[in-house]
Amino acid sequence: MNKLVRFVKECVAELRKVVWPGRDDVVSSVGVVLVSTLVIAMILGLLDFAFSTGMNFVFG
């Protein structure tokens, strides 16, 4: 049981050393993730459409 208590205390001590990002950093990071996700989804959608059209042209 002592090991568990010591582990929790050490975890809390380490988490207090962490420099958490501010609201502006988080908002800008979320924006970058959303935009990049949308761009990649559009690219994959276009590739899927192109391959599907090509396969239908060859085999259909």
PDB file of N, CA and C in Angstrom:
ATOM      1  N   MET A   1       0.824  -1.202   0.000  1.00  0.00           N
ATOM      2  CA  MET A   1       0.000   0.000   0.000  1.00  0.00           C
ATOM      3  C   MET A   1       0.864   1.259   0.000  1.00  0.00           C
ATOM      4  N   ASN A   2       2.031   1.195   0.683  1.00  0.00           N
ATOM      5  CA  ASN A   2       2.926   2.350   0.710  1.00  0.00           C
ATOM      6  C   ASN A   2       3.413   2.706  -0.686  1.00  0.00           C
ATOM      7  N   LYS A   3       3.644   1.681  -1.508  1.00  0.00           N
ATOM      8  CA  LYS A   3       4.122   1.935  -2.863  1.00  0.00           C
ATOM      9  C   LYS A   3       3.077   2.684  -3.688  1.00  0.00           C
ATOM     10  N   LEU A   4       1.819   2.327  -3.497  1.00  0.00           N
ATOM     11  CA  LEU A   4       0.748   2.984  -4.226  1.00  0.00           C
ATOM     12  C   LEU A   4       0.635   4.454  -3.812  1.00  0.00           C
ATOM     13  N   VAL A   5       0.688   4.725  -2.535  1.00  0.00           N
ATOM     14  CA  VAL A   5       0.595   6.104  -2.036  1.00  0.00           C
ATOM     15  C   VAL A   5       1.779   6.917  -2.543  1.00  0.00           C
ATOM     16  N   ARG A   6       2.959   6.322  -2.508  1.00  0.00           N
ATOM     17  CA  ARG A   6       4.158   7.004  -2.992  1.00  0.00           C
ATOM     18  C   ARG A   6       4.051   7.288  -4.490  1.00  0.00           C
ATOM     19  N   PHE A   7       3.539   6.328  -5.236  1.00  0.00           N
ATOM     20  CA  PHE A   7       3.369   6.502  -6.672  1.00  0.00           C
ATOM     21  C   PHE A   7       2.431   7.663  -6.973  1.00  0.00           C
ATOM     22  N   VAL A   8       1.303   7.713  -6.276  1.00  0.00           N
ATOM     23  CA  VAL A   8       0.332   8.788  -6.501  1.00  0.00           C
ATOM     24  C   VAL A   8       0.939  10.137  -6.147  1.00  0.00           C
ATOM     25  N   LYS A   9       1.663  10.220  -5.051  1.00  0.00           N
ATOM     26  CA  LYS A   9       2.299  11.480  -4.644  1.00  0.00           C
ATOM     27  C   LYS A   9       3.317  11.927  -5.687  1.00  0.00           C
ATOM     28  N   GLU A  10       4.094  10.989  -6.231  1.00  0.00           N
ATOM     29  CA  GLU A  10       5.085  11.332  -7.243  1.00  0.00           C
ATOM     30  C   GLU A  10       4.407  11.775  -8.541  1.00  0.00           C
ATOM     31  N   CYS A  11       3.298  11.140  -8.877  1.00  0.00           N
ATOM     32  CA  CYS A  11       2.558  11.554 -10.068  1.00  0.00           C
ATOM     33  C   CYS A  11       2.029  12.976  -9.916  1.00  0.00           C
ATOM     34  N   VAL A  12       1.471  13.275  -8.776  1.00  0.00           N
ATOM     35  CA  VAL A  12       0.956  14.619  -8.536  1.00  0.00           C
ATOM     36  C   VAL A  12       2.094  15.633  -8.583  1.00  0.00           C
ATOM     37  N   ALA A  13       3.242  15.292  -8.014  1.00  0.00           N
ATOM     38  CA  ALA A  13       4.385  16.200  -8.031  1.00  0.00           C
ATOM     39  C   ALA A  13       4.864  16.452  -9.459  1.00  0.00           C
ATOM     40  N   GLU A  14       4.901  15.426 -10.285  1.00  0.00           N
ATOM     41  CA  GLU A  14       5.321  15.597 -11.678  1.00  0.00           C
ATOM     42  C   GLU A  14       4.312  16.415 -12.464  1.00  0.00           C
ATOM     43  N   LEU A  15       3.015  16.191 -12.224  1.00  0.00           N
ATOM     44  CA  LEU A  15       1.991  16.953 -12.939  1.00  0.00           C
ATOM     45  C   LEU A  15       2.016  18.433 -12.580  1.00  0.00           C
ATOM     46  N   ARG A  16       2.483  18.768 -11.391  1.00  0.00           N
ATOM     47  CA  ARG A  16       2.589  20.180 -11.004  1.00  0.00           C
ATOM     48  C   ARG A  16       3.738  20.867 -11.734  1.00  0.00           C
ATOM     49  N   LYS A  17       4.701  20.097 -12.238  1.00  0.00           N
ATOM     50  CA  LYS A  17       5.826  20.663 -12.982  1.00  0.00           C
ATOM     51  C   LYS A  17       5.464  20.949 -14.440  1.00  0.00           C
ATOM     52  N   VAL A  18       4.374  20.367 -14.904  1.00  0.00           N
ATOM     53  CA  VAL A  18       3.990  20.509 -16.304  1.00  0.00           C
ATOM     54  C   VAL A  18       3.553  21.943 -16.579  1.00  0.00           C
ATOM     55  N   VAL A  19       4.023  22.470 -17.721  1.00  0.00           N
ATOM     56  CA  VAL A  19       3.574  23.792 -18.160  1.00  0.00           C
ATOM     57  C   VAL A  19       2.423  23.558 -19.133  1.00  0.00           C
ATOM     58  N   TRP A  20       1.215  23.809 -18.668  1.00  0.00           N
ATOM     59  CA  TRP A  20       0.034  23.564 -19.476  1.00  0.00           C
ATOM     60  C   TRP A  20      -0.143  24.685 -20.488  1.00  0.00           C
ATOM     61  N   PRO A  21      -0.609  24.369 -21.701  1.00  0.00           N
ATOM     62  CA  PRO A  21      -0.792  25.414 -22.719  1.00  0.00           C
ATOM     63  C   PRO A  21      -1.962  26.330 -22.363  1.00  0.00           C
ATOM     64  N   GLY A  22      -1.854  27.548 -22.848  1.00  0.00           N
ATOM     65  CA  GLY A  22      -2.923  28.513 -22.609  1.00  0.00           C
ATOM     66  C   GLY A  22      -4.079  28.285 -23.559  1.00  0.00           C
ATOM     67  N   ARG A  23      -5.149  29.008 -23.325  1.00  0.00           N
ATOM     68  CA  ARG A  23      -6.354  28.847 -24.138  1.00  0.00           C
ATOM     69  C   ARG A  23      -6.086  29.175 -25.608  1.00  0.00           C
ATOM     70  N   ASP A  24      -5.323  30.235 -25.860  1.00  0.00           N
ATOM     71  CA  ASP A  24      -5.037  30.623 -27.237  1.00  0.00           C
ATOM     72  C   ASP A  24      -4.260  29.535 -27.972  1.00  0.00           C
ATOM     73  N   ASP A  25      -3.300  28.914 -27.300  1.00  0.00           N
ATOM     74  CA  ASP A  25      -2.524  27.832 -27.915  1.00  0.00           C
ATOM     75  C   ASP A  25      -3.416  26.640 -28.252  1.00  0.00           C
ATOM     76  N   VAL A  26      -4.295  26.309 -27.343  1.00  0.00           N
ATOM     77  CA  VAL A  26      -5.193  25.165 -27.557  1.00  0.00           C
ATOM     78  C   VAL A  26      -6.147  25.448 -28.718  1.00  0.00           C
ATOM     79  N   VAL A  27      -6.710  26.642 -28.756  1.00  0.00           N
ATOM     80  CA  VAL A  27      -7.654  26.991 -29.820  1.00  0.00           C
ATOM     81  C   VAL A  27      -6.956  26.971 -31.172  1.00  0.00           C
ATOM     82  N   SER A  28      -5.746  27.515 -31.258  1.00  0.00           N
ATOM     83  CA  SER A  28      -5.045  27.519 -32.543  1.00  0.00           C
ATOM     84  C   SER A  28      -4.653  26.105 -32.950  1.00  0.00           C
ATOM     85  N   SER A  29      -4.269  25.272 -32.006  1.00  0.00           N
ATOM     86  CA  SER A  29      -3.916  23.885 -32.327  1.00  0.00           C
ATOM     87  C   SER A  29      -5.144  23.111 -32.820  1.00  0.00           C
ATOM     88  N   VAL A  30      -6.277  23.325 -32.198  1.00  0.00           N
ATOM     89  CA  VAL A  30      -7.504  22.663 -32.636  1.00  0.00           C
ATOM     90  C   VAL A  30      -7.861  23.117 -34.044  1.00  0.00           C
ATOM     91  N   GLY A  31      -7.688  24.390 -34.324  1.00  0.00           N
ATOM     92  CA  GLY A  31      -7.951  24.901 -35.667  1.00  0.00           C
ATOM     93  C   GLY A  31      -7.065  24.252 -36.710  1.00  0.00           C
ATOM     94  N   VAL A  32      -5.791  24.115 -36.403  1.00  0.00           N
ATOM     95  CA  VAL A  32      -4.862  23.466 -37.336  1.00  0.00           C
ATOM     96  C   VAL A  32      -5.273  22.015 -37.568  1.00  0.00           C
ATOM     97  N   VAL A  33      -5.647  21.316 -36.520  1.00  0.00           N
ATOM     98  CA  VAL A  33      -6.050  19.917 -36.655  1.00  0.00           C
ATOM     99  C   VAL A  33      -7.319  19.802 -37.496  1.00  0.00           C
ATOM    100  N   LEU A  34      -8.295  20.653 -37.261  1.00  0.00           N
ATOM    101  CA  LEU A  34      -9.543  20.599 -38.032  1.00  0.00           C
ATOM    102  C   LEU A  34      -9.307  20.891 -39.507  1.00  0.00           C
ATOM    103  N   VAL A  35      -8.528  21.925 -39.809  1.00  0.00           N
ATOM    104  CA  VAL A  35      -8.261  22.279 -41.200  1.00  0.00           C
ATOM    105  C   VAL A  35      -7.493  21.170 -41.902  1.00  0.00           C
ATOM    106  N   SER A  36      -6.457  20.650 -41.246  1.00  0.00           N
ATOM    107  CA  SER A  36      -5.668  19.583 -41.883  1.00  0.00           C
ATOM    108  C   SER A  36      -6.507  18.320 -42.066  1.00  0.00           C
ATOM    109  N   THR A  37      -7.396  18.029 -41.138  1.00  0.00           N
ATOM    110  CA  THR A  37      -8.277  16.870 -41.277  1.00  0.00           C
ATOM    111  C   THR A  37      -9.218  17.042 -42.458  1.00  0.00           C
ATOM    112  N   LEU A  38      -9.781  18.220 -42.619  1.00  0.00           N
ATOM    113  CA  LEU A  38     -10.666  18.480 -43.746  1.00  0.00           C
ATOM    114  C   LEU A  38      -9.926  18.392 -45.079  1.00  0.00           C
ATOM    115  N   VAL A  39      -8.719  18.928 -45.140  1.00  0.00           N
ATOM    116  CA  VAL A  39      -7.936  18.873 -46.380  1.00  0.00           C
ATOM    117  C   VAL A  39      -7.622  17.434 -46.751  1.00  0.00           C
ATOM    118  N   ILE A  40      -7.171  16.653 -45.797  1.00  0.00           N
ATOM    119  CA  ILE A  40      -6.836  15.251 -46.072  1.00  0.00           C
ATOM    120  C   ILE A  40      -8.091  14.472 -46.459  1.00  0.00           C
ATOM    121  N   ALA A  41      -9.221  14.746 -45.809  1.00  0.00           N
ATOM    122  CA  ALA A  41     -10.474  14.068 -46.161  1.00  0.00           C
ATOM    123  C   ALA A  41     -10.886  14.400 -47.590  1.00  0.00           C
ATOM    124  N   MET A  42     -10.708  15.662 -48.009  1.00  0.00           N
ATOM    125  CA  MET A  42     -11.046  16.039 -49.377  1.00  0.00           C
ATOM    126  C   MET A  42     -10.126  15.349 -50.385  1.00  0.00           C
ATOM    127  N   ILE A  43      -8.842  15.276 -50.066  1.00  0.00           N
ATOM    128  CA  ILE A  43      -7.894  14.600 -50.965  1.00  0.00           C
ATOM    129  C   ILE A  43      -8.254  13.123 -51.097  1.00  0.00           C
ATOM    130  N   LEU A  44      -8.524  12.474 -49.978  1.00  0.00           N
ATOM    131  CA  LEU A  44      -8.892  11.058 -50.028  1.00  0.00           C
ATOM    132  C   LEU A  44     -10.214  10.849 -50.757  1.00  0.00           C
ATOM    133  N   GLY A  45     -11.159  11.751 -50.578  1.00  0.00           N
ATOM    134  CA  GLY A  45     -12.425  11.659 -51.295  1.00  0.00           C
ATOM    135  C   GLY A  45     -12.238  11.789 -52.799  1.00  0.00           C
ATOM    136  N   LEU A  46     -11.396  12.728 -53.213  1.00  0.00           N
ATOM    137  CA  LEU A  46     -11.115  12.893 -54.637  1.00  0.00           C
ATOM    138  C   LEU A  46     -10.401  11.669 -55.212  1.00  0.00           C
ATOM    139  N   LEU A  47      -9.444  11.126 -54.467  1.00  0.00           N
ATOM    140  CA  LEU A  47      -8.761   9.914 -54.924  1.00  0.00           C
ATOM    141  C   LEU A  47      -9.731   8.743 -55.035  1.00  0.00           C
ATOM    142  N   ASP A  48     -10.612   8.595 -54.069  1.00  0.00           N
ATOM    143  CA  ASP A  48     -11.607   7.524 -54.108  1.00  0.00           C
ATOM    144  C   ASP A  48     -12.520   7.685 -55.319  1.00  0.00           C
ATOM    145  N   PHE A  49     -12.949   8.901 -55.568  1.00  0.00           N
ATOM    146  CA  PHE A  49     -13.809   9.164 -56.723  1.00  0.00           C
ATOM    147  C   PHE A  49     -13.072   8.838 -58.020  1.00  0.00           C
ATOM    148  N   ALA A  50     -11.815   9.266 -58.117  1.00  0.00           N
ATOM    149  CA  ALA A  50     -11.040   9.023 -59.333  1.00  0.00           C
ATOM    150  C   ALA A  50     -10.831   7.532 -59.557  1.00  0.00           C
ATOM    151  N   PHE A  51     -10.462   6.808 -58.523  1.00  0.00           N
ATOM    152  CA  PHE A  51     -10.244   5.359 -58.669  1.00  0.00           C
ATOM    153  C   PHE A  51     -11.548   4.632 -58.982  1.00  0.00           C
ATOM    154  N   SER A  52     -12.627   5.030 -58.332  1.00  0.00           N
ATOM    155  CA  SER A  52     -13.929   4.392 -58.610  1.00  0.00           C
ATOM    156  C   SER A  52     -14.359   4.642 -60.050  1.00  0.00           C
ATOM    157  N   THR A  53     -14.185   5.873 -60.497  1.00  0.00           N
ATOM    158  CA  THR A  53     -14.536   6.201 -61.881  1.00  0.00           C
ATOM    159  C   THR A  53     -13.661   5.417 -62.846  1.00  0.00           C
ATOM    160  N   GLY A  54     -12.379   5.312 -62.556  1.00  0.00           N
ATOM    161  CA  GLY A  54     -11.469   4.556 -63.409  1.00  0.00           C
ATOM    162  C   GLY A  54     -11.810   3.087 -63.453  1.00  0.00           C
ATOM    163  N   MET A  55     -12.154   2.503 -62.326  1.00  0.00           N
ATOM    164  CA  MET A  55     -12.512   1.093 -62.275  1.00  0.00           C
ATOM    165  C   MET A  55     -13.831   0.847 -63.032  1.00  0.00           C
ATOM    166  N   ASN A  56     -14.790   1.752 -62.881  1.00  0.00           N
ATOM    167  CA  ASN A  56     -16.047   1.618 -63.623  1.00  0.00           C
ATOM    168  C   ASN A  56     -15.818   1.757 -65.128  1.00  0.00           C
ATOM    169  N   PHE A  57     -14.897   2.608 -65.514  1.00  0.00           N
ATOM    170  CA  PHE A  57     -14.589   2.790 -66.931  1.00  0.00           C
ATOM    171  C   PHE A  57     -13.944   1.546 -67.518  1.00  0.00           C
ATOM    172  N   VAL A  58     -13.012   0.935 -66.750  1.00  0.00           N
ATOM    173  CA  VAL A  58     -12.293  -0.240 -67.243  1.00  0.00           C
ATOM    174  C   VAL A  58     -13.173  -1.486 -67.183  1.00  0.00           C
ATOM    175  N   PHE A  59     -13.860  -1.710 -66.063  1.00  0.00           N
ATOM    176  CA  PHE A  59     -14.593  -2.960 -65.872  1.00  0.00           C
ATOM    177  C   PHE A  59     -16.105  -2.822 -66.048  1.00  0.00           C
ATOM    178  N   GLY A  60     -16.590  -1.631 -66.197  1.00  0.00           N
ATOM    179  CA  GLY A  60     -18.032  -1.466 -66.229  1.00  0.00           C
ATOM    180  C   GLY A  60     -18.533  -1.241 -67.573  1.00  0.00           C
TER     181      GLY A  60
END
